[in-house]
Amino acid sequence: MATAKFHSLRGNNSALILVKANAFVFAATAVYVPKAAIPTDIKEGDSFEIPDGFKIVPFVDFETGEVRTTKEGAELHMLQY
């Protein structure tokens, strides 16, 4: 199983997590997930397992069809199963 570290809630519907494919890698990728997918008792910095089989893809705004970016222009990402 992959591991994730809860970073923070973002807006009304999203949460930011840091995803690692497994315990043998150092780097984590920041991705947005639905707020409802986050365990209710979790605190910022807590780790939890997520199901394998995901891809990390650009975060496309469902209303506009455009890729969401940071203020600096870097692409945001989300998980896709």
N, C-alpha and C. Protein backbone atom coordinates (compact mmCIF):
# COMPACT_ATOMS: atom_id res chain seq x y z
N MET A 1 0.83 -1.20 0.00
CA MET A 1 0.00 0.00 0.00
C MET A 1 0.87 1.25 0.00
N ALA A 2 0.34 2.26 -0.63
CA ALA A 2 1.01 3.56 -0.63
C ALA A 2 0.70 4.26 0.68
N THR A 3 1.55 5.20 1.05
CA THR A 3 1.31 5.98 2.25
C THR A 3 1.09 7.44 1.89
N ALA A 4 0.33 8.11 2.70
CA ALA A 4 0.06 9.53 2.50
C ALA A 4 0.21 10.24 3.84
N LYS A 5 0.62 11.48 3.77
CA LYS A 5 0.69 12.32 4.96
C LYS A 5 -0.29 13.46 4.74
N PHE A 6 -1.18 13.65 5.71
CA PHE A 6 -2.18 14.72 5.61
C PHE A 6 -1.49 16.06 5.80
N HIS A 7 -1.67 16.93 4.83
CA HIS A 7 -1.09 18.27 4.91
C HIS A 7 -2.11 19.25 5.46
N SER A 8 -3.26 19.39 4.78
CA SER A 8 -4.26 20.37 5.22
C SER A 8 -5.54 20.24 4.41
N LEU A 9 -6.59 20.84 4.94
CA LEU A 9 -7.83 20.98 4.19
C LEU A 9 -7.72 22.20 3.30
N ARG A 10 -8.29 22.12 2.11
CA ARG A 10 -8.22 23.22 1.15
C ARG A 10 -9.63 23.50 0.64
N GLY A 11 -10.17 24.63 1.02
CA GLY A 11 -11.52 24.97 0.59
C GLY A 11 -12.55 24.07 1.23
N ASN A 12 -13.73 24.04 0.63
CA ASN A 12 -14.85 23.26 1.20
C ASN A 12 -14.81 21.79 0.83
N ASN A 13 -14.16 21.44 -0.29
CA ASN A 13 -14.26 20.08 -0.80
C ASN A 13 -12.96 19.32 -0.93
N SER A 14 -11.83 19.95 -0.75
CA SER A 14 -10.54 19.31 -1.04
C SER A 14 -9.63 19.24 0.17
N ALA A 15 -8.71 18.29 0.08
CA ALA A 15 -7.64 18.16 1.06
C ALA A 15 -6.33 17.96 0.30
N LEU A 16 -5.25 18.45 0.87
CA LEU A 16 -3.92 18.28 0.28
C LEU A 16 -3.19 17.21 1.07
N ILE A 17 -2.69 16.20 0.35
CA ILE A 17 -1.92 15.13 0.98
C ILE A 17 -0.59 14.98 0.24
N LEU A 18 0.38 14.39 0.91
CA LEU A 18 1.68 14.09 0.32
C LEU A 18 1.76 12.58 0.16
N VAL A 19 1.88 12.10 -1.08
CA VAL A 19 1.80 10.68 -1.39
C VAL A 19 3.17 10.10 -1.68
N LYS A 20 3.45 8.94 -1.07
CA LYS A 20 4.65 8.15 -1.35
C LYS A 20 4.19 6.79 -1.84
N ALA A 21 4.78 6.32 -2.93
CA ALA A 21 4.37 5.03 -3.50
C ALA A 21 4.57 3.88 -2.52
N ASN A 22 5.63 3.97 -1.71
CA ASN A 22 5.88 2.95 -0.68
C ASN A 22 6.92 3.48 0.29
N ALA A 23 7.22 2.71 1.30
CA ALA A 23 8.13 3.15 2.36
C ALA A 23 9.58 3.24 1.92
N PHE A 24 9.89 2.75 0.72
CA PHE A 24 11.28 2.72 0.26
C PHE A 24 11.68 3.94 -0.55
N VAL A 25 10.82 4.94 -0.66
CA VAL A 25 11.16 6.16 -1.39
C VAL A 25 11.19 7.33 -0.42
N PHE A 26 12.06 8.31 -0.71
CA PHE A 26 12.15 9.50 0.13
C PHE A 26 11.13 10.56 -0.27
N ALA A 27 10.99 10.77 -1.56
CA ALA A 27 10.18 11.89 -2.05
C ALA A 27 8.68 11.58 -1.98
N ALA A 28 7.92 12.64 -1.76
CA ALA A 28 6.46 12.54 -1.76
C ALA A 28 5.93 13.57 -2.74
N THR A 29 4.78 13.28 -3.33
CA THR A 29 4.16 14.19 -4.29
C THR A 29 2.91 14.78 -3.67
N ALA A 30 2.77 16.08 -3.77
CA ALA A 30 1.58 16.76 -3.25
C ALA A 30 0.43 16.58 -4.23
N VAL A 31 -0.70 16.08 -3.72
CA VAL A 31 -1.89 15.89 -4.56
C VAL A 31 -3.13 16.31 -3.78
N TYR A 32 -4.15 16.68 -4.53
CA TYR A 32 -5.44 17.03 -3.95
C TYR A 32 -6.37 15.84 -4.05
N VAL A 33 -7.14 15.62 -3.01
CA VAL A 33 -8.13 14.54 -2.95
C VAL A 33 -9.42 15.12 -2.37
N PRO A 34 -10.54 14.41 -2.56
CA PRO A 34 -11.78 14.88 -1.94
C PRO A 34 -11.65 14.89 -0.41
N LYS A 35 -12.16 15.91 0.19
CA LYS A 35 -12.15 16.03 1.65
C LYS A 35 -12.80 14.82 2.31
N ALA A 36 -13.83 14.29 1.68
CA ALA A 36 -14.56 13.14 2.23
C ALA A 36 -13.71 11.88 2.30
N ALA A 37 -12.60 11.82 1.54
CA ALA A 37 -11.74 10.64 1.54
C ALA A 37 -10.78 10.61 2.73
N ILE A 38 -10.65 11.72 3.42
CA ILE A 38 -9.71 11.83 4.53
C ILE A 38 -10.36 11.31 5.82
N PRO A 39 -9.64 10.48 6.58
CA PRO A 39 -10.20 10.02 7.86
C PRO A 39 -10.60 11.22 8.74
N THR A 40 -11.72 11.11 9.41
CA THR A 40 -12.26 12.25 10.17
C THR A 40 -11.43 12.60 11.40
N ASP A 41 -10.70 11.64 11.94
CA ASP A 41 -9.93 11.90 13.17
C ASP A 41 -8.47 12.27 12.90
N ILE A 42 -8.14 12.60 11.67
CA ILE A 42 -6.75 12.86 11.30
C ILE A 42 -6.34 14.30 11.61
N LYS A 43 -5.06 14.46 11.94
CA LYS A 43 -4.50 15.79 12.21
C LYS A 43 -3.41 16.06 11.18
N GLU A 44 -3.10 17.33 10.97
CA GLU A 44 -2.04 17.70 10.04
C GLU A 44 -0.75 17.00 10.44
N GLY A 45 -0.10 16.38 9.46
CA GLY A 45 1.14 15.65 9.70
C GLY A 45 0.95 14.16 9.93
N ASP A 46 -0.28 13.71 10.19
CA ASP A 46 -0.54 12.29 10.39
C ASP A 46 -0.41 11.53 9.08
N SER A 47 0.09 10.30 9.15
CA SER A 47 0.21 9.43 7.97
C SER A 47 -0.89 8.39 8.00
N PHE A 48 -1.27 7.93 6.79
CA PHE A 48 -2.27 6.88 6.65
C PHE A 48 -2.04 6.18 5.33
N GLU A 49 -2.59 4.98 5.20
CA GLU A 49 -2.41 4.22 3.96
C GLU A 49 -3.51 4.56 2.97
N ILE A 50 -3.15 4.50 1.68
CA ILE A 50 -4.14 4.67 0.61
C ILE A 50 -3.98 3.49 -0.35
N PRO A 51 -5.05 3.14 -1.06
CA PRO A 51 -4.97 1.99 -1.97
C PRO A 51 -3.98 2.23 -3.11
N ASP A 52 -3.30 1.17 -3.52
CA ASP A 52 -2.42 1.23 -4.69
C ASP A 52 -3.28 1.29 -5.95
N GLY A 53 -2.62 1.50 -7.07
CA GLY A 53 -3.32 1.49 -8.36
C GLY A 53 -3.66 2.87 -8.89
N PHE A 54 -3.18 3.91 -8.24
CA PHE A 54 -3.47 5.27 -8.68
C PHE A 54 -2.43 5.77 -9.65
N LYS A 55 -2.81 6.81 -10.38
CA LYS A 55 -1.88 7.58 -11.19
C LYS A 55 -1.96 9.01 -10.68
N ILE A 56 -0.87 9.73 -10.76
CA ILE A 56 -0.87 11.15 -10.41
C ILE A 56 -1.03 11.93 -11.70
N VAL A 57 -2.11 12.71 -11.78
CA VAL A 57 -2.45 13.43 -13.01
C VAL A 57 -2.67 14.90 -12.70
N PRO A 58 -2.61 15.77 -13.72
CA PRO A 58 -2.90 17.18 -13.49
C PRO A 58 -4.32 17.36 -12.95
N PHE A 59 -4.50 18.35 -12.09
CA PHE A 59 -5.79 18.66 -11.48
C PHE A 59 -6.55 19.56 -12.46
N VAL A 60 -7.52 18.97 -13.16
CA VAL A 60 -8.30 19.71 -14.15
C VAL A 60 -9.57 20.23 -13.49
N ASP A 61 -9.82 21.51 -13.65
CA ASP A 61 -11.04 22.13 -13.13
C ASP A 61 -12.22 21.58 -13.92
N PHE A 62 -13.17 20.97 -13.22
CA PHE A 62 -14.29 20.33 -13.89
C PHE A 62 -15.21 21.32 -14.61
N GLU A 63 -15.26 22.54 -14.14
CA GLU A 63 -16.12 23.55 -14.76
C GLU A 63 -15.50 24.18 -16.00
N THR A 64 -14.20 24.49 -15.94
CA THR A 64 -13.56 25.20 -17.05
C THR A 64 -12.76 24.29 -17.98
N GLY A 65 -12.38 23.10 -17.49
CA GLY A 65 -11.55 22.20 -18.29
C GLY A 65 -10.08 22.58 -18.29
N GLU A 66 -9.71 23.60 -17.52
CA GLU A 66 -8.32 24.05 -17.47
C GLU A 66 -7.59 23.40 -16.30
N VAL A 67 -6.28 23.21 -16.49
CA VAL A 67 -5.44 22.66 -15.42
C VAL A 67 -5.26 23.73 -14.35
N ARG A 68 -5.51 23.35 -13.11
CA ARG A 68 -5.32 24.29 -12.00
C ARG A 68 -3.83 24.44 -11.71
N THR A 69 -3.45 25.64 -11.30
CA THR A 69 -2.05 25.94 -11.00
C THR A 69 -1.93 26.73 -9.71
N THR A 70 -0.70 26.79 -9.20
CA THR A 70 -0.41 27.64 -8.06
C THR A 70 -0.36 29.09 -8.55
N LYS A 71 -0.23 30.02 -7.63
CA LYS A 71 -0.09 31.43 -8.00
C LYS A 71 1.15 31.65 -8.86
N GLU A 72 2.16 30.81 -8.65
CA GLU A 72 3.41 30.93 -9.41
C GLU A 72 3.34 30.22 -10.76
N GLY A 73 2.26 29.49 -11.03
CA GLY A 73 2.09 28.82 -12.32
C GLY A 73 2.42 27.34 -12.34
N ALA A 74 2.82 26.75 -11.21
CA ALA A 74 3.11 25.31 -11.17
C ALA A 74 1.80 24.51 -11.19
N GLU A 75 1.79 23.40 -11.95
CA GLU A 75 0.60 22.55 -12.03
C GLU A 75 0.27 21.90 -10.70
N LEU A 76 -1.03 21.84 -10.39
CA LEU A 76 -1.50 21.07 -9.24
C LEU A 76 -1.84 19.67 -9.73
N HIS A 77 -1.84 18.70 -8.81
CA HIS A 77 -2.08 17.30 -9.18
C HIS A 77 -3.16 16.68 -8.31
N MET A 78 -3.72 15.58 -8.82
CA MET A 78 -4.71 14.79 -8.09
C MET A 78 -4.47 13.32 -8.41
N LEU A 79 -5.13 12.46 -7.66
CA LEU A 79 -5.03 11.02 -7.90
C LEU A 79 -6.12 10.59 -8.86
N GLN A 80 -5.78 9.61 -9.70
CA GLN A 80 -6.77 9.01 -10.59
C GLN A 80 -6.63 7.50 -10.48
N TYR A 81 -7.75 6.82 -10.28
CA TYR A 81 -7.74 5.36 -10.20
C TYR A 81 -8.35 4.77 -11.46
